Protein backbone atom coordinates (compact mmCIF):
# COMPACT_ATOMS: atom_id res chain seq x y z
CA MET A 1 11.38 2.32 -42.93
CA SER A 2 11.55 5.81 -44.49
CA ILE A 3 10.22 9.03 -43.05
CA PHE A 4 7.39 10.57 -44.96
CA LYS A 5 6.62 14.27 -44.75
CA CYS A 6 4.07 15.71 -47.09
CA LEU A 7 1.24 18.13 -47.67
CA ARG A 8 -2.19 17.21 -48.98
CA SER A 9 -2.56 19.09 -52.28
CA LEU A 10 -5.75 19.97 -54.08
CA MET A 11 -5.75 17.91 -57.28
CA LEU A 12 -8.23 16.85 -59.86
CA TRP A 13 -6.61 13.42 -59.65
CA CYS A 14 -7.06 13.21 -55.88
CA SER A 15 -10.47 11.83 -55.05
CA THR A 16 -10.65 12.17 -51.26
CA VAL A 17 -10.29 15.91 -50.81
CA ALA A 18 -13.47 17.74 -49.83
CA LEU A 19 -13.48 20.99 -51.77
CA LEU A 20 -15.89 23.03 -49.70
CA THR A 21 -15.50 21.50 -46.29
CA ALA A 22 -12.81 21.49 -43.68
CA CYS A 23 -9.77 19.24 -44.13
CA GLY A 24 -10.18 15.72 -42.84
CA GLY A 25 -11.77 13.05 -44.91
CA GLY A 26 -10.72 9.48 -45.30
CA GLY A 27 -12.60 6.84 -43.47
CA GLY A 28 -12.67 3.11 -43.29
CA GLY A 29 -13.42 0.97 -40.32
CA GLY A 30 -17.05 2.07 -40.57
CA GLY A 31 -19.88 0.74 -38.52
CA SER A 32 -19.75 3.44 -35.86
CA ALA A 33 -22.88 4.25 -33.92
CA PRO A 34 -24.39 7.71 -34.37
CA PRO A 35 -23.38 10.31 -31.78
CA PRO A 36 -25.59 10.40 -28.67
CA ALA A 37 -28.21 13.03 -28.09
CA ALA A 38 -26.91 16.04 -26.23
CA ASN A 39 -29.31 15.50 -23.30
CA ASN A 40 -28.62 11.79 -22.98
CA PRO A 41 -24.85 11.22 -22.86
CA PRO A 42 -23.65 7.62 -22.95
CA PRO A 43 -22.26 5.98 -19.85
CA ALA A 44 -18.56 6.54 -19.25
CA THR A 45 -17.95 2.82 -18.68
CA GLY A 46 -14.33 2.04 -19.47
CA PHE A 47 -13.32 5.70 -19.65
CA ASP A 48 -11.19 7.17 -16.88
CA ALA A 49 -9.97 10.62 -17.85
CA GLY A 50 -6.19 10.85 -17.83
CA GLN A 51 -5.71 7.07 -17.59
CA PHE A 52 -4.63 5.18 -20.69
CA GLN A 53 -4.29 1.52 -21.58
CA PRO A 54 -1.54 0.53 -24.06
CA SER A 55 -2.72 1.15 -27.62
CA SER A 56 -1.68 -2.41 -28.50
CA GLN A 57 -4.67 -3.70 -26.52
CA PHE A 58 -7.04 -2.07 -29.03
CA LYS A 59 -5.00 -2.42 -32.22
CA ASN A 60 -6.92 -4.07 -35.08
CA LEU A 61 -10.16 -4.37 -33.12
CA CYS A 62 -12.49 -3.15 -35.84
CA ALA A 63 -16.17 -2.44 -36.26
CA ALA A 64 -15.90 -3.79 -39.82
CA PRO A 65 -12.93 -6.18 -39.99
CA ARG A 66 -11.28 -6.60 -43.39
CA THR A 67 -10.84 -10.09 -44.73
CA GLY A 68 -7.29 -11.25 -45.34
CA THR A 69 -5.85 -8.87 -42.73
CA SER A 70 -4.99 -8.97 -39.03
CA ASP A 71 -8.28 -7.20 -38.22
CA ARG A 72 -10.40 -8.72 -35.45
CA SER A 73 -14.03 -8.21 -34.58
CA GLY A 74 -14.50 -5.14 -32.40
CA THR A 75 -16.46 -1.92 -32.11
CA ALA A 76 -16.15 1.73 -33.04
CA THR A 77 -15.34 2.40 -29.37
CA ASP A 78 -12.40 -0.01 -29.65
CA GLU A 79 -11.15 1.96 -32.64
CA ASN A 80 -11.49 5.21 -30.70
CA ASN A 81 -9.73 3.71 -27.69
CA TRP A 82 -6.83 2.80 -29.97
CA LEU A 83 -6.74 6.35 -31.33
CA ARG A 84 -6.83 7.80 -27.82
CA SER A 85 -3.98 5.64 -26.46
CA TRP A 86 -1.91 5.83 -29.65
CA SER A 87 -2.16 9.63 -29.65
CA ASN A 88 -1.20 9.80 -25.98
CA GLU A 89 1.86 7.66 -26.69
CA LEU A 90 3.15 9.26 -29.88
CA TYR A 91 1.56 12.66 -30.58
CA LEU A 92 4.20 15.38 -30.34
CA TRP A 93 1.97 17.58 -28.17
CA TYR A 94 0.13 14.76 -26.38
CA ASN A 95 -0.25 16.86 -23.21
CA GLU A 96 -2.27 19.45 -25.15
CA ILE A 97 -5.00 17.00 -26.21
CA ARG A 98 -8.24 17.43 -24.32
CA ASP A 99 -9.12 13.93 -23.16
CA GLN A 100 -12.46 12.82 -24.60
CA ASN A 101 -14.72 9.85 -23.92
CA PRO A 102 -14.22 7.40 -26.81
CA ARG A 103 -17.89 6.39 -26.61
CA SER A 104 -19.10 9.92 -27.29
CA HIS A 105 -17.96 10.30 -30.90
CA THR A 106 -17.87 8.49 -34.21
CA THR A 107 -14.45 7.26 -35.27
CA PRO A 108 -13.46 9.90 -37.86
CA ALA A 109 -14.82 12.69 -35.69
CA TYR A 110 -12.95 11.37 -32.66
CA PHE A 111 -9.62 11.46 -34.48
CA ASP A 112 -10.18 15.14 -35.27
CA LEU A 113 -10.20 15.78 -31.50
CA MET A 114 -6.88 14.02 -30.91
CA LYS A 115 -4.73 17.09 -31.53
CA SER A 116 -3.60 20.36 -30.00
CA ASP A 117 -5.92 23.35 -30.25
CA GLN A 118 -3.12 25.82 -29.42
CA LEU A 119 -1.98 28.60 -31.77
CA SER A 120 1.42 29.40 -33.20
CA GLY A 121 3.18 32.69 -32.53
CA SER A 122 1.54 34.24 -35.60
CA GLY A 123 -1.94 33.15 -34.53
CA ARG A 124 -2.37 30.18 -36.85
CA ALA A 125 -3.42 26.77 -35.57
CA LYS A 126 -0.38 24.97 -34.23
CA ASP A 127 -1.45 21.68 -35.77
CA ARG A 128 -2.79 22.23 -39.27
CA PHE A 129 -1.58 18.81 -40.38
CA HIS A 130 -4.00 16.21 -39.05
CA PHE A 131 -5.80 13.97 -41.55
CA THR A 132 -6.66 10.47 -42.74
CA TYR A 133 -6.74 8.42 -45.92
CA THR A 134 -8.35 5.11 -46.60
CA THR A 135 -5.44 2.68 -46.39
CA GLU A 136 -6.08 1.38 -49.89
CA GLU A 137 -5.90 4.84 -51.42
CA TRP A 138 -2.90 5.86 -49.36
CA ASN A 139 -0.92 2.81 -50.49
CA ARG A 140 -1.70 3.54 -54.12
CA LEU A 141 -0.82 7.21 -53.83
CA SER A 142 2.42 6.92 -51.85
CA ASN A 143 3.79 3.83 -53.58
CA SER A 144 3.00 4.66 -57.20
CA GLY A 145 1.50 8.16 -57.32
CA ILE A 146 -1.80 6.71 -58.60
CA SER A 147 -5.13 8.31 -57.73
CA ALA A 148 -8.52 8.57 -59.37
CA GLY A 149 -9.15 11.82 -61.21
CA TYR A 150 -8.57 13.61 -64.49
CA GLY A 151 -4.87 14.51 -64.35
CA ALA A 152 -4.99 18.26 -63.64
CA LYS A 153 -3.72 19.97 -60.52
CA LEU A 154 -5.88 22.83 -59.32
CA ILE A 155 -4.93 25.91 -57.33
CA ILE A 156 -7.51 27.86 -55.33
CA LEU A 157 -6.85 31.54 -55.87
CA SER A 158 -9.90 32.62 -53.89
CA GLY A 159 -11.47 30.32 -51.36
CA SER A 160 -14.55 32.35 -50.52
CA PRO A 161 -17.18 33.71 -52.93
CA PRO A 162 -16.45 34.84 -55.53
CA ARG A 163 -14.29 31.71 -55.68
CA GLU A 164 -11.62 31.18 -58.30
CA ILE A 165 -9.87 27.95 -59.38
CA VAL A 166 -7.08 27.69 -61.92
CA VAL A 167 -5.21 24.75 -63.43
CA ALA A 168 -1.56 24.67 -62.39
CA TYR A 169 -0.44 21.85 -64.68
CA VAL A 170 -1.73 18.66 -66.27
CA THR A 171 -0.39 15.15 -66.61
CA ALA A 172 0.51 14.23 -70.19
CA GLY A 173 -1.91 11.80 -71.82
CA SER A 174 -4.57 12.27 -69.14
CA GLU A 175 -8.25 13.12 -69.58
CA ALA A 176 -7.45 16.73 -68.68
CA ALA A 177 -4.74 16.91 -71.32
CA ASN A 178 -7.01 15.34 -73.94
CA ALA A 179 -9.71 17.91 -73.04
CA GLY A 180 -7.25 20.71 -73.77
CA LEU A 181 -6.75 21.93 -70.20
CA VAL A 182 -3.48 23.81 -69.76
CA ARG A 183 -1.78 25.85 -67.12
CA GLY A 184 -3.94 28.91 -66.51
CA THR A 185 -7.27 27.36 -67.54
CA ARG A 186 -10.06 28.56 -65.21
CA ILE A 187 -12.74 26.18 -63.97
CA LEU A 188 -16.04 28.10 -64.12
CA SER A 189 -18.69 25.47 -63.40
CA VAL A 190 -19.00 21.81 -62.52
CA ASP A 191 -22.05 19.84 -63.67
CA GLY A 192 -23.95 23.11 -64.04
CA VAL A 193 -22.96 24.49 -60.60
CA ASP A 194 -21.19 27.85 -60.66
CA VAL A 195 -17.76 27.66 -59.00
CA ALA A 196 -17.69 31.34 -58.03
CA SER A 197 -20.92 31.43 -56.06
CA GLY A 198 -22.69 28.07 -56.32
CA SER A 199 -24.12 26.61 -53.13
CA ASP A 200 -24.34 22.94 -54.19
CA VAL A 201 -21.20 21.83 -52.43
CA ASN A 202 -21.74 18.13 -53.08
CA ALA A 203 -21.99 18.63 -56.84
CA LEU A 204 -18.73 20.58 -56.88
CA ASN A 205 -16.96 17.99 -54.75
CA ASN A 206 -18.28 15.04 -56.72
CA GLY A 207 -17.28 16.56 -60.04
CA LEU A 208 -13.88 17.89 -59.08
CA PHE A 209 -12.90 14.96 -56.89
CA PRO A 210 -14.52 11.76 -58.20
CA SER A 211 -14.43 8.85 -55.79
CA GLY A 212 -13.17 6.42 -58.39
CA ALA A 213 -12.51 5.78 -62.05
CA GLY A 214 -15.23 5.77 -64.71
CA GLN A 215 -17.28 8.74 -63.48
CA PRO A 216 -18.33 11.28 -66.17
CA HIS A 217 -18.67 15.02 -65.35
CA ARG A 218 -19.23 18.24 -67.27
CA PHE A 219 -17.25 21.47 -66.91
CA GLU A 220 -17.27 25.02 -68.20
CA VAL A 221 -13.73 26.35 -68.58
CA ARG A 222 -11.94 29.40 -69.93
CA ASP A 223 -8.43 29.02 -71.29
CA PRO A 224 -5.69 31.60 -70.67
CA GLY A 225 -5.60 34.56 -73.04
CA THR A 226 -9.22 34.27 -74.10
CA LEU A 227 -12.70 35.27 -72.94
CA VAL A 228 -14.29 32.32 -74.69
CA VAL A 229 -16.05 29.82 -72.42
CA ARG A 230 -16.04 26.25 -73.63
CA ASN A 231 -17.79 23.11 -72.42
CA ILE A 232 -15.91 19.89 -71.84
CA SER A 233 -16.70 16.46 -70.45
CA MET A 234 -14.20 14.22 -68.69
CA ILE A 235 -14.39 10.70 -67.31
CA SER A 236 -12.32 10.02 -64.22
CA ALA A 237 -9.55 7.45 -64.48
CA ASP A 238 -6.62 6.13 -62.47
CA VAL A 239 -3.92 8.75 -63.08
CA THR A 240 -0.22 8.37 -62.37
CA LEU A 241 1.39 11.66 -61.38
CA ASP A 242 4.77 12.43 -62.92
CA PRO A 243 6.79 13.70 -59.94
CA VAL A 244 9.57 15.22 -62.08
CA ASP A 245 7.95 16.32 -65.31
CA ILE A 246 10.30 19.06 -66.55
CA VAL A 247 14.11 18.95 -66.67
CA SER A 248 15.90 21.50 -68.81
CA THR A 249 18.90 23.77 -69.14
CA LEU A 250 18.66 27.53 -69.67
CA PRO A 251 21.54 29.67 -71.03
CA ASN A 252 21.79 32.79 -68.88
CA ASN A 253 24.35 35.45 -69.81
CA GLY A 254 27.13 33.00 -70.51
CA GLU A 255 26.22 30.45 -67.83
CA LEU A 256 24.12 27.33 -68.02
CA VAL A 257 21.36 27.03 -65.41
CA GLY A 258 19.59 23.77 -64.71
CA TYR A 259 15.84 23.67 -64.06
CA ILE A 260 13.87 20.86 -62.40
CA HIS A 261 10.11 20.96 -61.78
CA PHE A 262 9.73 18.61 -58.80
CA ASN A 263 6.16 17.84 -57.67
CA ASP A 264 6.15 14.97 -55.19
CA HIS A 265 8.59 13.09 -52.94
CA ASN A 266 6.98 9.71 -53.74
CA ARG A 267 8.66 6.41 -54.54
CA PRO A 268 8.82 6.87 -58.34
CA SER A 269 10.53 10.24 -57.88
CA GLU A 270 13.80 8.59 -56.85
CA THR A 271 14.53 7.22 -60.32
CA LYS A 272 13.33 10.42 -62.00
CA LEU A 273 15.49 12.65 -59.80
CA VAL A 274 18.61 10.55 -60.28
CA SER A 275 18.12 10.77 -64.04
CA ALA A 276 17.52 14.53 -63.86
CA PHE A 277 20.61 15.27 -61.79
CA ARG A 278 22.78 12.97 -63.89
CA SER A 279 21.66 14.82 -67.02
CA LEU A 280 22.37 18.24 -65.51
CA ARG A 281 25.73 17.06 -64.17
CA ASP A 282 26.75 15.76 -67.59
CA GLN A 283 25.80 19.10 -69.14
CA ARG A 284 27.93 20.90 -66.53
CA VAL A 285 25.34 23.37 -65.28
CA ASN A 286 26.64 26.31 -63.25
CA ASP A 287 23.55 26.76 -61.08
CA LEU A 288 20.20 25.12 -60.37
CA VAL A 289 16.62 26.33 -60.10
CA LEU A 290 14.60 23.74 -58.17
CA ASP A 291 10.89 24.40 -58.67
CA LEU A 292 9.08 23.28 -55.52
CA ARG A 293 6.09 25.59 -55.80
CA TYR A 294 3.51 22.76 -55.72
CA ASN A 295 5.51 20.12 -53.87
CA GLY A 296 3.70 19.31 -50.64
CA GLY A 297 6.29 16.80 -49.49
CA GLY A 298 6.64 13.06 -49.26
CA PHE A 299 9.40 10.68 -48.23
CA LEU A 300 12.06 12.49 -46.25
CA ASP A 301 14.70 10.12 -47.60
CA ILE A 302 13.92 11.48 -51.08
CA ALA A 303 14.47 15.03 -49.78
CA ASN A 304 17.73 13.84 -48.25
CA GLU A 305 18.90 12.34 -51.57
CA THR A 306 17.88 15.49 -53.46
CA ALA A 307 19.81 17.74 -51.10
CA PHE A 308 22.91 15.55 -51.43
CA MET A 309 22.70 15.60 -55.24
CA ILE A 310 22.69 19.40 -55.05
CA ALA A 311 25.58 19.79 -52.60
CA GLY A 312 27.79 16.79 -53.34
CA ALA A 313 31.10 16.64 -51.44
CA ALA A 314 30.10 19.45 -49.06
CA ALA A 315 27.41 17.16 -47.63
CA GLN A 316 29.42 13.95 -47.28
CA GLY A 317 29.23 12.51 -43.79
CA ARG A 318 27.26 15.45 -42.46
CA ILE A 319 23.87 15.67 -40.73
CA PHE A 320 20.83 16.28 -42.90
CA GLU A 321 18.17 16.16 -40.18
CA GLU A 322 17.55 14.83 -36.71
CA LEU A 323 14.16 13.86 -35.35
CA ARG A 324 12.78 15.07 -32.03
CA PHE A 325 9.83 13.18 -30.56
CA ASN A 326 7.75 14.05 -27.50
CA ASN A 327 9.36 14.02 -24.06
CA LYS A 328 8.45 10.37 -23.51
CA HIS A 329 10.90 9.36 -26.23
CA THR A 330 14.26 11.09 -25.96
CA THR A 331 16.67 8.27 -26.71
CA THR A 332 14.74 5.72 -28.79
CA ASN A 333 12.53 6.05 -31.83
CA PRO A 334 9.13 4.97 -30.45
CA VAL A 335 7.98 3.54 -33.77
CA THR A 336 11.05 1.65 -34.99
CA GLY A 337 12.69 0.95 -31.63
CA GLU A 338 16.01 2.20 -32.99
CA ARG A 339 18.31 4.45 -31.03
CA LEU A 340 17.75 8.08 -31.99
CA GLU A 341 20.66 9.23 -34.14
CA PRO A 342 20.79 12.14 -36.62
CA ASP A 343 20.11 11.21 -40.25
CA ARG A 344 23.15 11.95 -42.37
CA PHE A 345 23.05 12.87 -46.05
CA HIS A 346 22.45 9.84 -48.24
CA GLU A 347 25.21 9.31 -50.76
CA THR A 348 23.49 6.39 -52.46
CA THR A 349 19.98 5.48 -53.59
CA GLN A 350 17.73 4.05 -50.88
CA GLY A 351 15.77 1.61 -53.03
CA PHE A 352 12.44 3.43 -53.45
CA SER A 353 12.32 2.96 -57.22
CA ALA A 354 16.03 2.74 -58.11
CA SER A 355 18.15 -0.20 -56.99
CA ALA A 356 19.52 0.50 -53.53
CA GLY A 357 23.18 1.38 -53.08
CA GLN A 358 23.86 3.23 -56.35
CA ALA A 359 26.11 6.27 -56.02
CA LEU A 360 24.05 9.45 -56.45
CA PRO A 361 25.09 11.93 -59.17
CA THR A 362 26.01 15.31 -57.72
CA LEU A 363 26.28 18.90 -58.93
CA GLY A 364 28.56 20.11 -56.14
CA LEU A 365 26.83 23.50 -55.89
CA ARG A 366 27.33 26.00 -53.10
CA ARG A 367 23.99 27.63 -53.92
CA VAL A 368 20.55 26.56 -55.08
CA ILE A 369 17.59 28.71 -56.11
CA VAL A 370 14.20 27.37 -55.05
CA LEU A 371 10.78 28.47 -56.36
CA THR A 372 8.14 28.36 -53.64
CA THR A 373 4.53 29.08 -52.74
CA SER A 374 2.40 28.33 -49.69
CA ARG A 375 2.00 24.84 -51.17
CA THR A 376 5.73 24.15 -50.73
CA CYS A 377 5.71 22.07 -47.60
CA SER A 378 7.26 19.53 -45.29
CA ALA A 379 9.88 17.39 -47.10
CA SER A 380 10.36 20.27 -49.56
CA GLU A 381 11.11 22.57 -46.64
CA SER A 382 13.48 19.93 -45.27
CA ILE A 383 15.58 20.28 -48.43
CA ILE A 384 15.86 24.01 -47.71
CA ASN A 385 16.57 23.57 -44.01
CA GLY A 386 18.95 20.65 -44.44
CA LEU A 387 21.10 22.50 -46.99
CA ARG A 388 21.17 25.65 -44.87
CA GLY A 389 22.37 23.53 -41.98
CA ILE A 390 25.65 22.76 -43.80
CA GLY A 391 26.18 26.26 -45.16
CA ILE A 392 24.72 25.86 -48.67
CA GLU A 393 23.07 29.14 -49.70
CA VAL A 394 19.38 28.77 -50.52
CA VAL A 395 17.86 31.60 -52.55
CA GLN A 396 14.07 31.75 -52.42
CA ILE A 397 11.92 33.12 -55.23
CA GLY A 398 8.15 33.22 -54.72
CA GLY A 399 5.88 33.17 -51.68
CA ASN A 400 6.09 31.86 -48.13
CA THR A 401 6.37 28.12 -47.70
CA CYS A 402 3.70 26.42 -45.59
CA GLY A 403 5.73 26.05 -42.38
CA LYS A 404 5.81 22.35 -41.49
CA PRO A 405 8.97 21.19 -39.71
CA TYR A 406 6.97 18.18 -38.50
CA GLY A 407 6.34 14.66 -39.67
CA PHE A 408 4.73 11.37 -38.75
CA TYR A 409 4.48 7.71 -39.51
CA PRO A 410 1.30 6.91 -41.44
CA THR A 411 -0.38 4.22 -39.36
CA ASP A 412 -3.14 1.88 -40.49
CA ASN A 413 -5.91 0.70 -38.21
CA CYS A 414 -9.04 -1.01 -39.50
CA GLY A 415 -8.67 0.27 -43.07
CA THR A 416 -7.92 3.90 -42.26
CA THR A 417 -4.41 5.33 -42.35
CA TYR A 418 -3.95 8.04 -39.74
CA PHE A 419 -1.52 10.95 -39.90
CA SER A 420 -0.77 12.52 -36.53
CA ILE A 421 2.25 14.77 -35.85
CA GLN A 422 4.90 12.71 -34.04
CA PHE A 423 8.20 14.51 -34.45
CA GLN A 424 9.92 17.75 -35.37
CA GLY A 425 12.97 17.86 -37.61
CA ALA A 426 16.08 20.00 -37.07
CA ASN A 427 19.12 20.54 -39.30
CA ALA A 428 22.84 20.15 -38.53
CA GLN A 429 22.81 23.45 -36.65
CA GLY A 430 19.88 22.30 -34.50
CA PHE A 431 17.43 24.63 -36.25
CA GLY A 432 13.88 23.50 -37.00
CA ASP A 433 11.71 26.40 -35.93
CA TYR A 434 10.04 27.52 -39.15
CA THR A 435 6.40 27.00 -38.25
CA ASP A 436 5.50 30.16 -40.19
CA GLY A 437 7.51 29.06 -43.19
CA PHE A 438 10.45 30.41 -45.14
CA GLY A 439 9.73 33.76 -46.79
CA ARG A 440 8.90 37.32 -45.92
CA ASN A 441 5.54 37.14 -44.15
CA SER A 442 5.22 37.84 -40.45
CA GLY A 443 7.11 35.24 -38.42
CA ALA A 444 8.74 33.58 -41.42
CA VAL A 445 12.44 32.74 -41.70
CA THR A 446 13.85 35.18 -44.24
CA LEU A 447 16.10 33.86 -47.02
CA PRO A 448 17.88 35.84 -49.73
CA GLY A 449 15.78 36.21 -52.85
CA CYS A 450 12.63 37.84 -54.14
CA SER A 451 8.97 37.79 -53.18
CA ALA A 452 6.95 37.03 -56.31
CA SER A 453 3.44 35.79 -57.06
CA ASP A 454 2.74 32.70 -59.16
CA ASP A 455 2.27 33.36 -62.86
CA PHE A 456 -0.40 31.28 -64.60
CA SER A 457 -0.12 33.14 -67.90
CA ARG A 458 2.94 31.20 -69.06
CA PRO A 459 3.95 27.53 -69.04
CA LEU A 460 6.14 26.13 -66.30
CA GLY A 461 9.76 26.10 -67.44
CA ASP A 462 9.27 29.16 -69.68
CA PRO A 463 12.15 31.58 -68.96
CA ALA A 464 9.62 34.43 -69.16
CA GLU A 465 7.35 32.93 -66.46
CA ARG A 466 7.45 35.30 -63.49
CA LEU A 467 9.07 33.09 -60.85
CA LEU A 468 11.58 31.47 -63.18
CA ASN A 469 12.40 34.80 -64.79
CA ALA A 470 13.06 36.34 -61.38
CA ALA A 471 15.31 33.39 -60.54
CA LEU A 472 17.33 33.87 -63.73
CA VAL A 473 17.68 37.61 -63.12
CA TYR A 474 18.77 36.99 -59.55
CA GLN A 475 21.20 34.27 -60.65
CA ASP A 476 22.81 36.70 -63.06
CA THR A 477 22.73 39.96 -61.08
CA GLY A 478 22.10 39.11 -57.44
CA SER A 479 19.08 41.42 -57.51
CA CYS A 480 15.35 41.09 -58.11
CA PRO A 481 13.80 42.28 -61.40
CA VAL A 482 12.52 45.83 -61.40
CA GLY A 483 8.74 45.99 -60.98
CA LEU A 484 8.43 42.35 -59.88
CA GLN A 485 4.89 41.49 -58.81
CA ALA A 486 5.34 40.40 -55.22
CA ALA A 487 3.53 37.54 -53.56
CA GLU A 488 0.55 38.64 -51.52
CA GLU A 489 1.08 39.13 -47.80
CA GLU A 490 -1.18 36.19 -47.08
CA ASP A 491 -0.31 33.77 -49.86
CA GLY A 492 -2.25 30.54 -49.62
CA ILE A 493 -5.59 29.42 -48.36
CA GLN A 494 -4.28 28.48 -44.92
CA PHE A 495 -3.78 32.19 -44.09
CA ARG A 496 -7.31 33.30 -44.90
CA ARG A 497 -9.14 34.97 -42.04
CA GLU A 498 -12.42 36.31 -43.39
CA ALA A 499 -15.69 34.79 -42.20
CA VAL A 500 -17.83 33.10 -44.84
CA PRO A 501 -21.06 31.11 -44.60
CA GLU A 502 -20.47 27.65 -43.19
CA GLY A 503 -19.65 25.13 -45.89
CA GLN A 504 -19.11 27.77 -48.56
CA GLU A 505 -15.35 28.27 -48.41
CA LEU A 506 -13.05 26.46 -50.79
CA VAL A 507 -10.21 24.93 -48.82
CA GLU A 508 -6.95 23.58 -50.13
CA PRO A 509 -6.37 20.95 -47.46
CA PHE A 510 -2.97 20.04 -46.08
CA PHE A 511 -1.59 16.61 -46.76
CA PRO A 512 1.16 15.88 -44.21
CA GLY A 513 2.66 12.45 -43.53
CA ALA A 514 5.75 10.61 -42.28
CA ILE A 515 7.41 7.22 -42.44
CA HIS A 516 10.84 6.24 -41.09
């Protein structure tokens, strides 16, 4: 089994994200009773605070059993009892969960309580990475990169009114591409509801994140470089994300620099990455710019392979990352039953989408330049940390990464796949404490490089685009460009502090996961 570490990204092709509500979502299992009235709490029969039955006793006892599965007839309380025991067994900070009566909450709401409410050193929530997917959708997304939507990735530049949403990139051949959306296009309204100040949250959510294929919606948009507002209509479809959509070489003052735009550590990315690195190797690039600015993570084995293809011989036989579970599991992996041993750099393909056992192409670089934003997370950060652990220099251009040295094993129960932090990763030097990210914000781990804000005025891969241009200047001179527009001190929606009316803030939810 392969570790999966990822970040939930805000996408027009992702149908489960709630745009104007807190992160959570998912579902499945269903059939839960409504919460009890505040003045008439349910009996605590079967609940003994601090005492836990094995989670296996409640596994697959479902309020709405699925046909053709191992589900058995049960209740919503059975599902909550499984969540309670499972979290107590595997959650990294299990002793920080406030024990709650499983009968007192609906199933999705109960899962939201099964986490730490402590803060990090910088004052952010310690666990910002707790979420669910329906199992059906999760399997489609992780295995093939397929999700219902239009094929455009959105970035929230302002989460509170006046809100602002911009297109980061589009998938070729998608509805968004056919409608003329490009990087830098602004979304102004959805089905007649103003994005900046509209209060109809459901209309915005339904239009931006359709629940399935075949749903028509209307949008007002403004393309980059113009003040003209145009009206478009799009019908949602099943969209396959291209995880490695740009691979190029850029001459830079007598040297040849490789560029890879890498979006997602999913299964299809293995074949695409091998092809990309083989091409750059054959062209004998002198350096590499790895664009991770929107890569929220994915399979850790893919990060491992990517790091090896960068470093080559310097990584052979060495530790990429070791996993640290809670203090109940210090010698054995509690999910796989295997003895805990550090994961070494993979020198061959692992069989995600390429045939297993093929020798990986390598560049043999002693330095890599990464482009980052607050949406660079989890497995992407493991590439950075793993390479630093063996002495490969990592130059960072952009904003702070999200700060997620954690992962988990996505676990299905009753049609919902749950993501609950189960381990922390550390590199060959034993370092894994970057909960405030890599970058220059308070508490972050500082890397050489330049702070720079994302540039939506130019296409990705354009040598004049701000982040890539800064990378090329730094590659050539070792210094940042004069007058570079730095990333904001609080780059990314997860750092926002201002109070806004309940239900009115745009949130770009995290999407963290893990499979070993």
